[in-house]
N, C-alpha and C. Protein backbone atom coordinates (compact mmCIF):
# COMPACT_ATOMS: atom_id res chain seq x y z
N MET A 1 -7.31 -59.59 -14.27
CA MET A 1 -6.01 -58.94 -14.09
C MET A 1 -4.97 -59.91 -13.57
N PHE A 2 -5.37 -60.83 -12.65
CA PHE A 2 -4.38 -61.64 -11.97
C PHE A 2 -4.19 -63.04 -12.53
N SER A 3 -5.13 -63.55 -13.33
CA SER A 3 -4.81 -64.78 -14.03
C SER A 3 -3.80 -64.41 -15.12
N PRO A 4 -2.76 -65.18 -15.39
CA PRO A 4 -2.56 -66.57 -14.99
C PRO A 4 -1.75 -66.75 -13.72
N TRP A 5 -1.52 -65.72 -12.91
CA TRP A 5 -0.64 -65.86 -11.75
C TRP A 5 -1.41 -66.03 -10.44
N GLN A 6 -2.75 -65.88 -10.48
CA GLN A 6 -3.51 -65.87 -9.24
C GLN A 6 -3.74 -67.29 -8.73
N LYS A 7 -2.80 -67.76 -7.94
CA LYS A 7 -2.92 -69.05 -7.28
C LYS A 7 -2.68 -68.86 -5.80
N GLN A 8 -3.06 -69.86 -5.01
CA GLN A 8 -2.95 -69.74 -3.58
C GLN A 8 -1.51 -69.81 -3.10
N LEU A 9 -1.17 -68.91 -2.17
CA LEU A 9 0.07 -69.07 -1.45
C LEU A 9 -0.08 -70.26 -0.51
N SER A 10 1.01 -70.89 -0.16
CA SER A 10 0.97 -71.95 0.84
C SER A 10 2.02 -71.67 1.90
N PHE A 11 1.57 -71.59 3.15
CA PHE A 11 2.49 -71.35 4.25
C PHE A 11 2.68 -72.63 5.07
N ASP A 12 2.28 -73.77 4.55
CA ASP A 12 2.26 -75.00 5.33
C ASP A 12 3.64 -75.45 5.79
N ASP A 13 4.69 -75.10 5.07
CA ASP A 13 6.04 -75.53 5.43
C ASP A 13 6.73 -74.56 6.37
N TYR A 14 6.00 -73.56 6.85
CA TYR A 14 6.57 -72.53 7.70
C TYR A 14 5.80 -72.48 9.02
N PRO A 15 6.32 -71.75 10.03
CA PRO A 15 5.65 -71.70 11.34
C PRO A 15 4.39 -70.83 11.35
N PHE A 16 3.91 -70.51 10.17
CA PHE A 16 2.76 -69.61 10.04
C PHE A 16 1.54 -70.12 10.80
N ASN A 17 1.18 -71.36 10.57
CA ASN A 17 -0.05 -71.89 11.17
C ASN A 17 0.01 -71.88 12.69
N HIS A 18 1.19 -72.19 13.25
CA HIS A 18 1.31 -72.21 14.70
C HIS A 18 1.18 -70.81 15.27
N ALA A 19 1.84 -69.82 14.66
CA ALA A 19 1.74 -68.44 15.12
C ALA A 19 0.30 -67.95 15.03
N GLU A 20 -0.40 -68.35 13.99
CA GLU A 20 -1.81 -67.98 13.82
C GLU A 20 -2.65 -68.54 14.97
N LYS A 21 -2.43 -69.80 15.31
CA LYS A 21 -3.21 -70.44 16.38
C LYS A 21 -2.93 -69.79 17.73
N VAL A 22 -1.66 -69.44 17.99
CA VAL A 22 -1.32 -68.79 19.26
C VAL A 22 -1.99 -67.42 19.35
N ALA A 23 -1.94 -66.65 18.26
CA ALA A 23 -2.57 -65.32 18.25
C ALA A 23 -4.08 -65.44 18.46
N SER A 24 -4.68 -66.47 17.87
CA SER A 24 -6.12 -66.67 18.00
C SER A 24 -6.51 -67.06 19.42
N ALA A 25 -5.66 -67.84 20.08
CA ALA A 25 -5.99 -68.36 21.40
C ALA A 25 -5.64 -67.39 22.53
N THR A 26 -4.60 -66.58 22.33
CA THR A 26 -4.08 -65.78 23.45
C THR A 26 -4.21 -64.28 23.27
N GLY A 27 -4.54 -63.81 22.08
CA GLY A 27 -4.60 -62.37 21.83
C GLY A 27 -5.75 -61.70 22.56
N ARG A 28 -5.55 -60.43 22.91
CA ARG A 28 -6.60 -59.65 23.58
C ARG A 28 -7.72 -59.28 22.61
N ASN A 29 -7.38 -59.23 21.33
CA ASN A 29 -8.34 -58.89 20.29
C ASN A 29 -8.15 -59.92 19.18
N ARG A 30 -8.87 -61.02 19.27
CA ARG A 30 -8.59 -62.19 18.45
C ARG A 30 -8.54 -61.89 16.96
N GLU A 31 -9.59 -61.27 16.44
CA GLU A 31 -9.65 -61.02 14.99
C GLU A 31 -8.52 -60.11 14.53
N ARG A 32 -8.24 -59.07 15.31
CA ARG A 32 -7.16 -58.17 14.91
C ARG A 32 -5.80 -58.86 14.99
N ASP A 33 -5.55 -59.61 16.07
CA ASP A 33 -4.23 -60.22 16.26
C ASP A 33 -3.94 -61.27 15.19
N VAL A 34 -4.96 -62.02 14.78
CA VAL A 34 -4.75 -62.99 13.71
C VAL A 34 -4.51 -62.24 12.39
N ALA A 35 -5.23 -61.15 12.16
CA ALA A 35 -5.00 -60.34 10.96
C ALA A 35 -3.59 -59.77 10.94
N LEU A 36 -3.06 -59.40 12.10
CA LEU A 36 -1.69 -58.88 12.18
C LEU A 36 -0.68 -59.95 11.76
N VAL A 37 -0.88 -61.18 12.23
CA VAL A 37 0.02 -62.28 11.85
C VAL A 37 -0.05 -62.51 10.34
N HIS A 38 -1.24 -62.54 9.80
CA HIS A 38 -1.40 -62.75 8.36
C HIS A 38 -0.76 -61.63 7.55
N ALA A 39 -0.91 -60.39 8.04
CA ALA A 39 -0.34 -59.25 7.31
C ALA A 39 1.17 -59.33 7.25
N LEU A 40 1.81 -59.72 8.36
CA LEU A 40 3.27 -59.79 8.37
C LEU A 40 3.78 -60.89 7.47
N PHE A 41 3.20 -62.09 7.60
CA PHE A 41 3.64 -63.21 6.77
C PHE A 41 3.23 -63.03 5.31
N GLY A 42 2.04 -62.49 5.08
CA GLY A 42 1.49 -62.45 3.73
C GLY A 42 1.94 -61.31 2.87
N THR A 43 2.45 -60.22 3.48
CA THR A 43 2.86 -59.05 2.70
C THR A 43 4.33 -58.72 2.85
N ALA A 44 5.00 -59.27 3.89
CA ALA A 44 6.40 -58.97 4.20
C ALA A 44 6.61 -57.50 4.54
N LEU A 45 5.54 -56.81 4.99
CA LEU A 45 5.70 -55.46 5.51
C LEU A 45 6.36 -55.52 6.89
N THR A 46 6.97 -54.42 7.30
CA THR A 46 7.52 -54.34 8.65
C THR A 46 6.37 -54.05 9.62
N PRO A 47 6.57 -54.34 10.93
CA PRO A 47 5.52 -53.99 11.90
C PRO A 47 5.12 -52.52 11.86
N THR A 48 6.09 -51.62 11.73
CA THR A 48 5.76 -50.20 11.68
C THR A 48 4.95 -49.87 10.44
N GLU A 49 5.31 -50.45 9.29
CA GLU A 49 4.53 -50.23 8.07
C GLU A 49 3.10 -50.73 8.24
N ILE A 50 2.95 -51.89 8.87
CA ILE A 50 1.61 -52.45 9.09
C ILE A 50 0.79 -51.53 9.98
N SER A 51 1.43 -50.98 11.02
CA SER A 51 0.70 -50.10 11.94
C SER A 51 0.22 -48.83 11.26
N LEU A 52 0.85 -48.45 10.15
CA LEU A 52 0.50 -47.21 9.44
C LEU A 52 -0.40 -47.44 8.22
N LEU A 53 -0.75 -48.68 7.94
CA LEU A 53 -1.67 -48.96 6.84
C LEU A 53 -3.02 -48.31 7.11
N ARG A 54 -3.59 -47.71 6.08
CA ARG A 54 -4.90 -47.10 6.19
C ARG A 54 -5.96 -48.03 5.59
N VAL A 55 -7.20 -47.76 5.91
CA VAL A 55 -8.31 -48.52 5.33
C VAL A 55 -8.24 -48.49 3.81
N ASP A 56 -7.92 -47.31 3.24
CA ASP A 56 -7.88 -47.21 1.77
C ASP A 56 -6.60 -47.79 1.17
N ASP A 57 -5.69 -48.31 1.99
CA ASP A 57 -4.59 -49.13 1.47
C ASP A 57 -5.05 -50.57 1.25
N TYR A 58 -6.21 -50.90 1.80
CA TYR A 58 -6.74 -52.27 1.72
C TYR A 58 -8.03 -52.33 0.91
N LEU A 59 -8.89 -51.34 1.07
CA LEU A 59 -10.20 -51.36 0.43
C LEU A 59 -10.32 -50.33 -0.68
N ASN A 60 -11.04 -50.71 -1.74
CA ASN A 60 -11.52 -49.76 -2.72
C ASN A 60 -12.76 -49.06 -2.17
N GLN A 61 -13.18 -48.00 -2.83
CA GLN A 61 -14.34 -47.26 -2.36
C GLN A 61 -15.59 -48.14 -2.32
N ASP A 62 -15.70 -49.10 -3.24
CA ASP A 62 -16.89 -49.95 -3.27
C ASP A 62 -16.84 -51.08 -2.25
N GLY A 63 -15.78 -51.11 -1.44
CA GLY A 63 -15.66 -52.13 -0.39
C GLY A 63 -14.90 -53.37 -0.79
N SER A 64 -14.53 -53.49 -2.05
CA SER A 64 -13.72 -54.63 -2.50
C SER A 64 -12.26 -54.42 -2.08
N VAL A 65 -11.50 -55.51 -2.08
CA VAL A 65 -10.11 -55.46 -1.64
C VAL A 65 -9.20 -55.04 -2.78
N LYS A 66 -8.25 -54.16 -2.49
CA LYS A 66 -7.25 -53.74 -3.48
C LYS A 66 -6.19 -54.82 -3.59
N ARG A 67 -6.33 -55.68 -4.56
CA ARG A 67 -5.37 -56.78 -4.66
C ARG A 67 -4.00 -56.32 -5.12
N ASP A 68 -3.95 -55.28 -5.91
CA ASP A 68 -2.69 -54.78 -6.46
C ASP A 68 -2.59 -53.31 -6.09
N TRP A 69 -1.76 -52.99 -5.11
CA TRP A 69 -1.66 -51.64 -4.60
C TRP A 69 -0.19 -51.31 -4.37
N GLN A 70 0.08 -50.24 -3.59
CA GLN A 70 1.45 -49.85 -3.31
C GLN A 70 1.62 -49.54 -1.82
N VAL A 71 2.80 -49.86 -1.30
CA VAL A 71 3.18 -49.35 0.01
C VAL A 71 3.52 -47.88 -0.21
N ARG A 72 2.79 -46.99 0.43
CA ARG A 72 3.00 -45.57 0.22
C ARG A 72 4.41 -45.15 0.64
N GLU A 73 4.97 -44.24 -0.12
CA GLU A 73 6.34 -43.77 0.12
C GLU A 73 6.50 -43.23 1.54
N ASN A 74 5.47 -42.54 2.05
CA ASN A 74 5.60 -41.89 3.35
C ASN A 74 5.52 -42.86 4.53
N ILE A 75 5.14 -44.13 4.28
CA ILE A 75 5.15 -45.11 5.37
C ILE A 75 6.19 -46.20 5.15
N ALA A 76 6.75 -46.29 3.93
CA ALA A 76 7.72 -47.35 3.64
C ALA A 76 8.97 -47.16 4.49
N CYS A 77 9.52 -48.27 4.97
CA CYS A 77 10.67 -48.20 5.87
C CYS A 77 11.88 -47.57 5.19
N ASN A 78 11.99 -47.71 3.87
CA ASN A 78 13.11 -47.11 3.14
C ASN A 78 12.69 -45.88 2.33
N ARG A 79 11.44 -45.40 2.58
CA ARG A 79 10.89 -44.23 1.90
C ARG A 79 10.84 -44.41 0.38
N ARG A 80 10.65 -45.66 -0.04
CA ARG A 80 10.50 -45.96 -1.46
C ARG A 80 9.17 -46.70 -1.67
N GLU A 81 8.37 -46.19 -2.57
CA GLU A 81 7.12 -46.88 -2.89
C GLU A 81 7.43 -48.24 -3.50
N ARG A 82 6.65 -49.25 -3.13
CA ARG A 82 6.84 -50.58 -3.69
C ARG A 82 5.48 -51.28 -3.76
N PRO A 83 5.38 -52.36 -4.54
CA PRO A 83 4.09 -53.04 -4.67
C PRO A 83 3.61 -53.65 -3.36
N LEU A 84 2.30 -53.66 -3.20
CA LEU A 84 1.64 -54.31 -2.06
C LEU A 84 0.51 -55.15 -2.61
N PHE A 85 0.53 -56.44 -2.31
CA PHE A 85 -0.43 -57.36 -2.90
C PHE A 85 -1.25 -58.06 -1.83
N TRP A 86 -2.57 -57.96 -1.97
CA TRP A 86 -3.49 -58.69 -1.09
C TRP A 86 -4.15 -59.79 -1.93
N VAL A 87 -3.38 -60.73 -2.44
CA VAL A 87 -3.90 -61.68 -3.41
C VAL A 87 -4.33 -63.01 -2.78
N ASN A 88 -3.82 -63.32 -1.60
CA ASN A 88 -4.12 -64.62 -1.00
C ASN A 88 -5.44 -64.57 -0.23
N LYS A 89 -6.33 -65.51 -0.49
CA LYS A 89 -7.65 -65.50 0.13
C LYS A 89 -7.58 -65.57 1.65
N LYS A 90 -6.66 -66.38 2.16
CA LYS A 90 -6.55 -66.52 3.62
C LYS A 90 -6.03 -65.24 4.25
N VAL A 91 -5.05 -64.62 3.60
CA VAL A 91 -4.51 -63.35 4.11
C VAL A 91 -5.59 -62.27 4.08
N ARG A 92 -6.44 -62.27 3.05
CA ARG A 92 -7.52 -61.28 2.97
C ARG A 92 -8.64 -61.56 3.95
N SER A 93 -8.86 -62.81 4.27
CA SER A 93 -10.02 -63.17 5.09
C SER A 93 -9.93 -62.61 6.50
N THR A 94 -8.72 -62.49 7.06
CA THR A 94 -8.62 -62.06 8.45
C THR A 94 -8.79 -60.54 8.63
N PRO A 95 -8.21 -59.68 7.76
CA PRO A 95 -8.60 -58.27 7.87
C PRO A 95 -10.10 -58.07 7.63
N ASP A 96 -10.68 -58.85 6.72
CA ASP A 96 -12.11 -58.75 6.48
C ASP A 96 -12.90 -59.06 7.75
N ALA A 97 -12.51 -60.13 8.45
CA ALA A 97 -13.20 -60.51 9.70
C ALA A 97 -13.04 -59.42 10.75
N TYR A 98 -11.83 -58.86 10.84
CA TYR A 98 -11.59 -57.81 11.82
C TYR A 98 -12.38 -56.54 11.49
N LEU A 99 -12.42 -56.16 10.22
CA LEU A 99 -13.18 -54.96 9.84
C LEU A 99 -14.67 -55.13 10.09
N GLU A 100 -15.16 -56.36 9.98
CA GLU A 100 -16.57 -56.61 10.28
C GLU A 100 -16.82 -56.41 11.78
N VAL A 101 -15.87 -56.84 12.62
CA VAL A 101 -16.00 -56.60 14.07
C VAL A 101 -16.01 -55.10 14.35
N ARG A 102 -15.12 -54.37 13.69
CA ARG A 102 -15.09 -52.92 13.87
C ARG A 102 -16.41 -52.29 13.44
N ARG A 103 -16.94 -52.77 12.34
CA ARG A 103 -18.21 -52.21 11.85
C ARG A 103 -19.31 -52.45 12.86
N LYS A 104 -19.38 -53.65 13.41
CA LYS A 104 -20.43 -53.98 14.38
C LYS A 104 -20.27 -53.18 15.66
N ASN A 105 -19.02 -52.87 16.02
CA ASN A 105 -18.76 -52.11 17.25
C ASN A 105 -18.78 -50.60 17.03
N GLY A 106 -18.97 -50.18 15.76
CA GLY A 106 -19.07 -48.76 15.46
C GLY A 106 -17.77 -48.00 15.60
N LEU A 107 -16.62 -48.66 15.36
CA LEU A 107 -15.32 -48.02 15.51
C LEU A 107 -14.88 -47.40 14.19
N SER A 108 -14.57 -46.10 14.22
CA SER A 108 -14.06 -45.36 13.05
C SER A 108 -15.01 -45.44 11.86
N MET A 109 -16.30 -45.26 12.14
CA MET A 109 -17.29 -45.35 11.08
C MET A 109 -17.64 -43.97 10.53
N MET A 110 -18.22 -43.96 9.33
CA MET A 110 -18.73 -42.72 8.74
C MET A 110 -20.12 -42.99 8.19
N ALA A 111 -20.85 -41.91 7.93
CA ALA A 111 -22.24 -42.04 7.47
C ALA A 111 -22.29 -42.28 5.97
N SER A 112 -21.73 -43.40 5.54
CA SER A 112 -21.70 -43.74 4.12
C SER A 112 -21.41 -45.23 4.00
N ASP A 113 -21.83 -45.82 2.89
CA ASP A 113 -21.53 -47.23 2.64
C ASP A 113 -20.17 -47.41 1.97
N ALA A 114 -19.55 -46.32 1.53
CA ALA A 114 -18.24 -46.41 0.89
C ALA A 114 -17.22 -46.96 1.88
N PHE A 115 -16.27 -47.73 1.37
CA PHE A 115 -15.22 -48.33 2.20
C PHE A 115 -15.82 -49.13 3.36
N ARG A 116 -16.96 -49.78 3.09
CA ARG A 116 -17.68 -50.58 4.10
C ARG A 116 -18.08 -49.74 5.30
N GLY A 117 -18.25 -48.45 5.10
CA GLY A 117 -18.66 -47.56 6.18
C GLY A 117 -17.53 -47.10 7.07
N LEU A 118 -16.29 -47.46 6.74
CA LEU A 118 -15.14 -47.09 7.55
C LEU A 118 -14.48 -45.82 7.02
N GLN A 119 -13.85 -45.07 7.91
CA GLN A 119 -13.10 -43.89 7.49
C GLN A 119 -11.94 -44.32 6.59
N PRO A 120 -11.90 -43.90 5.33
CA PRO A 120 -10.88 -44.41 4.40
C PRO A 120 -9.45 -44.08 4.82
N GLN A 121 -9.24 -42.94 5.47
CA GLN A 121 -7.89 -42.57 5.89
C GLN A 121 -7.60 -42.94 7.34
N GLY A 122 -8.53 -43.70 7.93
CA GLY A 122 -8.29 -44.22 9.27
C GLY A 122 -7.36 -45.43 9.21
N VAL A 123 -6.74 -45.75 10.33
CA VAL A 123 -5.80 -46.87 10.39
C VAL A 123 -6.55 -48.19 10.17
N LEU A 124 -5.94 -49.08 9.42
CA LEU A 124 -6.57 -50.37 9.11
C LEU A 124 -6.68 -51.27 10.33
N LEU A 125 -5.59 -51.43 11.07
CA LEU A 125 -5.55 -52.31 12.24
C LEU A 125 -5.25 -51.45 13.47
N THR A 126 -6.22 -51.33 14.34
CA THR A 126 -6.17 -50.34 15.41
C THR A 126 -5.98 -50.99 16.79
N THR A 127 -5.93 -50.14 17.81
CA THR A 127 -5.97 -50.63 19.19
C THR A 127 -7.37 -51.15 19.48
N GLU A 128 -7.54 -51.71 20.68
CA GLU A 128 -8.84 -52.28 21.04
C GLU A 128 -9.97 -51.25 21.00
N ASP A 129 -9.65 -49.99 21.27
CA ASP A 129 -10.69 -48.97 21.28
C ASP A 129 -10.72 -48.14 20.00
N GLY A 130 -10.07 -48.64 18.95
CA GLY A 130 -10.18 -48.01 17.64
C GLY A 130 -9.22 -46.89 17.36
N HIS A 131 -8.15 -46.74 18.15
CA HIS A 131 -7.19 -45.67 17.94
C HIS A 131 -5.93 -46.18 17.23
N ASN A 132 -5.12 -45.22 16.76
CA ASN A 132 -3.83 -45.57 16.17
C ASN A 132 -2.92 -46.17 17.22
N MET A 133 -2.07 -47.10 16.81
CA MET A 133 -1.08 -47.64 17.72
C MET A 133 0.03 -46.61 17.95
N ALA A 134 0.48 -46.50 19.20
CA ALA A 134 1.47 -45.48 19.56
C ALA A 134 2.80 -45.74 18.87
N MET A 135 3.46 -44.65 18.49
CA MET A 135 4.78 -44.72 17.86
C MET A 135 5.83 -44.23 18.84
N THR A 136 7.01 -44.84 18.80
CA THR A 136 8.13 -44.45 19.65
C THR A 136 9.17 -43.73 18.79
N LYS A 137 9.60 -42.56 19.22
CA LYS A 137 10.58 -41.78 18.47
C LYS A 137 11.99 -42.09 18.96
N ARG A 138 12.90 -42.30 18.02
CA ARG A 138 14.30 -42.55 18.33
C ARG A 138 15.18 -41.70 17.41
N GLU A 139 16.45 -41.61 17.78
CA GLU A 139 17.44 -40.95 16.93
C GLU A 139 18.31 -42.02 16.27
N VAL A 140 18.37 -42.02 14.95
CA VAL A 140 19.22 -42.96 14.21
C VAL A 140 20.12 -42.14 13.29
N ASN A 141 21.42 -42.19 13.55
CA ASN A 141 22.39 -41.40 12.77
C ASN A 141 22.03 -39.91 12.77
N GLY A 142 21.57 -39.46 13.94
CA GLY A 142 21.25 -38.05 14.09
C GLY A 142 19.92 -37.63 13.48
N LYS A 143 19.14 -38.58 12.98
CA LYS A 143 17.86 -38.27 12.36
C LYS A 143 16.73 -38.95 13.14
N PRO A 144 15.57 -38.30 13.23
CA PRO A 144 14.45 -38.91 13.96
C PRO A 144 13.93 -40.15 13.23
N CYS A 145 13.60 -41.16 14.00
CA CYS A 145 13.09 -42.41 13.45
C CYS A 145 11.95 -42.88 14.34
N TYR A 146 10.89 -43.41 13.75
CA TYR A 146 9.73 -43.84 14.52
C TYR A 146 9.52 -45.34 14.35
N ALA A 147 9.14 -45.98 15.45
CA ALA A 147 8.88 -47.41 15.41
C ALA A 147 7.64 -47.71 16.25
N CYS A 148 6.91 -48.75 15.86
CA CYS A 148 5.70 -49.13 16.59
C CYS A 148 6.06 -50.27 17.56
N ASP A 149 6.57 -49.91 18.72
CA ASP A 149 6.97 -50.91 19.71
C ASP A 149 5.77 -51.68 20.24
N VAL A 150 4.61 -51.04 20.25
CA VAL A 150 3.39 -51.71 20.71
C VAL A 150 3.10 -52.93 19.84
N LEU A 151 3.20 -52.75 18.53
CA LEU A 151 2.92 -53.84 17.61
C LEU A 151 4.00 -54.92 17.67
N THR A 152 5.25 -54.49 17.78
CA THR A 152 6.34 -55.46 17.92
C THR A 152 6.12 -56.34 19.14
N SER A 153 5.65 -55.74 20.23
CA SER A 153 5.36 -56.50 21.44
C SER A 153 4.21 -57.48 21.24
N LEU A 154 3.19 -57.06 20.48
CA LEU A 154 2.06 -57.96 20.20
C LEU A 154 2.51 -59.18 19.40
N TYR A 155 3.49 -58.98 18.53
CA TYR A 155 3.98 -60.08 17.71
C TYR A 155 4.84 -61.06 18.51
N ARG A 156 5.42 -60.61 19.60
CA ARG A 156 6.46 -61.39 20.28
C ARG A 156 5.99 -62.79 20.70
N LYS A 157 4.82 -62.88 21.34
CA LYS A 157 4.39 -64.17 21.89
C LYS A 157 4.09 -65.21 20.81
N PRO A 158 3.25 -64.91 19.82
CA PRO A 158 2.98 -65.95 18.81
C PRO A 158 4.22 -66.38 18.04
N PHE A 159 5.12 -65.44 17.77
CA PHE A 159 6.32 -65.81 17.03
C PHE A 159 7.31 -66.59 17.88
N ALA A 160 7.43 -66.24 19.16
CA ALA A 160 8.32 -66.99 20.05
C ALA A 160 7.86 -68.43 20.17
N GLN A 161 6.55 -68.63 20.30
CA GLN A 161 6.04 -70.00 20.43
C GLN A 161 6.12 -70.76 19.11
N ALA A 162 6.24 -70.03 18.01
CA ALA A 162 6.41 -70.68 16.70
C ALA A 162 7.88 -70.90 16.38
N GLY A 163 8.77 -70.50 17.31
CA GLY A 163 10.20 -70.72 17.11
C GLY A 163 10.87 -69.68 16.26
N ILE A 164 10.26 -68.47 16.18
CA ILE A 164 10.83 -67.38 15.37
C ILE A 164 11.31 -66.30 16.32
N GLU A 165 12.53 -65.85 16.11
CA GLU A 165 13.13 -64.84 16.98
C GLU A 165 12.74 -63.43 16.56
N GLY A 166 11.54 -63.00 16.94
CA GLY A 166 11.14 -61.62 16.71
C GLY A 166 10.45 -61.38 15.39
N ALA A 167 9.84 -60.17 15.28
CA ALA A 167 9.05 -59.83 14.10
C ALA A 167 9.91 -59.69 12.86
N SER A 168 11.15 -59.21 13.01
CA SER A 168 12.02 -59.06 11.83
C SER A 168 12.29 -60.41 11.19
N ALA A 169 12.57 -61.41 12.03
CA ALA A 169 12.80 -62.76 11.50
C ALA A 169 11.52 -63.32 10.88
N ALA A 170 10.38 -63.05 11.51
CA ALA A 170 9.10 -63.51 10.96
C ALA A 170 8.83 -62.88 9.61
N ARG A 171 9.16 -61.60 9.47
CA ARG A 171 8.98 -60.93 8.19
C ARG A 171 9.83 -61.58 7.11
N GLN A 172 11.07 -61.94 7.45
CA GLN A 172 11.95 -62.60 6.48
C GLN A 172 11.40 -63.97 6.10
N VAL A 173 10.86 -64.71 7.10
CA VAL A 173 10.24 -66.00 6.79
C VAL A 173 9.08 -65.81 5.83
N GLY A 174 8.23 -64.80 6.13
CA GLY A 174 7.10 -64.53 5.25
C GLY A 174 7.52 -64.12 3.86
N ALA A 175 8.52 -63.24 3.78
CA ALA A 175 8.99 -62.79 2.47
C ALA A 175 9.57 -63.95 1.67
N THR A 176 10.32 -64.81 2.35
CA THR A 176 10.89 -65.98 1.67
C THR A 176 9.79 -66.90 1.18
N CYS A 177 8.75 -67.05 2.01
CA CYS A 177 7.62 -67.89 1.63
C CYS A 177 6.91 -67.33 0.40
N VAL A 178 6.67 -66.02 0.42
CA VAL A 178 5.98 -65.39 -0.70
C VAL A 178 6.78 -65.55 -1.99
N ILE A 179 8.10 -65.33 -1.91
CA ILE A 179 8.93 -65.40 -3.11
C ILE A 179 9.10 -66.84 -3.59
N SER A 180 9.40 -67.77 -2.67
CA SER A 180 9.76 -69.12 -3.09
C SER A 180 8.56 -69.98 -3.44
N LYS A 181 7.40 -69.73 -2.80
CA LYS A 181 6.27 -70.63 -2.99
C LYS A 181 5.16 -70.03 -3.83
N SER A 182 5.32 -68.77 -4.27
CA SER A 182 4.26 -68.16 -5.07
C SER A 182 4.84 -67.42 -6.27
N CYS A 183 5.85 -67.99 -6.89
CA CYS A 183 6.50 -67.30 -8.00
C CYS A 183 5.55 -67.11 -9.17
N TRP A 184 4.41 -67.77 -9.14
CA TRP A 184 3.45 -67.63 -10.23
C TRP A 184 2.55 -66.41 -10.06
N ILE A 185 2.60 -65.73 -8.94
CA ILE A 185 1.67 -64.63 -8.71
C ILE A 185 1.97 -63.44 -9.61
N LEU A 186 3.26 -63.17 -9.83
CA LEU A 186 3.65 -62.00 -10.61
C LEU A 186 4.66 -62.37 -11.67
N PRO A 187 4.73 -61.56 -12.73
CA PRO A 187 5.85 -61.72 -13.65
C PRO A 187 7.15 -61.51 -12.88
N ALA A 188 8.21 -62.18 -13.30
CA ALA A 188 9.46 -62.16 -12.56
C ALA A 188 9.99 -60.75 -12.34
N SER A 189 9.86 -59.88 -13.33
CA SER A 189 10.41 -58.53 -13.20
C SER A 189 9.75 -57.78 -12.05
N ARG A 190 8.42 -57.91 -11.91
CA ARG A 190 7.72 -57.21 -10.84
C ARG A 190 8.00 -57.86 -9.50
N ARG A 191 8.08 -59.20 -9.49
CA ARG A 191 8.35 -59.91 -8.24
C ARG A 191 9.71 -59.52 -7.68
N CYS A 192 10.74 -59.51 -8.53
CA CYS A 192 12.08 -59.16 -8.08
C CYS A 192 12.16 -57.71 -7.65
N ALA A 193 11.48 -56.83 -8.36
CA ALA A 193 11.48 -55.42 -7.97
C ALA A 193 10.84 -55.23 -6.60
N SER A 194 9.76 -55.98 -6.34
CA SER A 194 9.10 -55.89 -5.05
C SER A 194 10.03 -56.37 -3.94
N TRP A 195 10.71 -57.49 -4.17
CA TRP A 195 11.61 -58.05 -3.16
C TRP A 195 12.77 -57.10 -2.88
N ARG A 196 13.37 -56.55 -3.94
CA ARG A 196 14.49 -55.64 -3.73
C ARG A 196 14.05 -54.41 -2.96
N SER A 197 12.89 -53.85 -3.30
CA SER A 197 12.41 -52.64 -2.62
C SER A 197 12.13 -52.90 -1.16
N ALA A 198 11.63 -54.10 -0.84
CA ALA A 198 11.28 -54.41 0.55
C ALA A 198 12.49 -54.64 1.41
N THR A 199 13.61 -55.04 0.83
CA THR A 199 14.74 -55.45 1.64
C THR A 199 15.90 -54.47 1.60
N GLN A 200 15.85 -53.47 0.75
CA GLN A 200 16.94 -52.50 0.68
C GLN A 200 16.83 -51.47 1.80
C-alpha cells in the first residue's frame, strides 16, 4: 500500500533528538514520555488530540499498527476528520515500547489477544496508573472547550531544553518536518489535504 512513498522521515535537522533525550532522561514514565514526544513531532497532532487517542486509533485487531488511519472527528481540534499516519519506524517504535510496558504491568488489559490484549477503546497514552489524562474545561467565545493541560505541562521541559517555545511551536516544527522532509510518503493531493486540515 505504501510503496513507492514509504521512506524514512528524518528529524535530524530539528530539535527532535534533543527533546527525545530529555524526555528519556527526566520523564517520570520514560517509555510513555518518549512516545509522547514522537507522537507530537511525528503526527503533528495537538497535545489534546494526542491525549484522546485510543488504542484502536493505533492498533488493528491483530495487533499490527494502523499506518493509514484518521484523526476522528470527535477528537480533532477543528472537528474535521483528517488523515493520521503512523508510517515512520522510529515514531512507531516508542508507542510499541510503551504498550509493552503496559502489557507487562497489566494496565487496561482484557482477556483476549486482540489489540495486543489491550482495551481497544482505552486511551493509547495514559497516566502512570493507566488512567485518562485529566481535561480542563474553558469557555471560548461562549462555548465550552477542553484542553489537556497535564500533557502540555509534560511537554514543557523537553521542548524548553530543545529551544522550542511550548507544545504548539513543537507541533509546527514537527508538521514542517513531516511536510518538507517526507514529501514522498503521500501523493501531493493527500499530503496537502492533511496539512490544510491540521492547521485550519
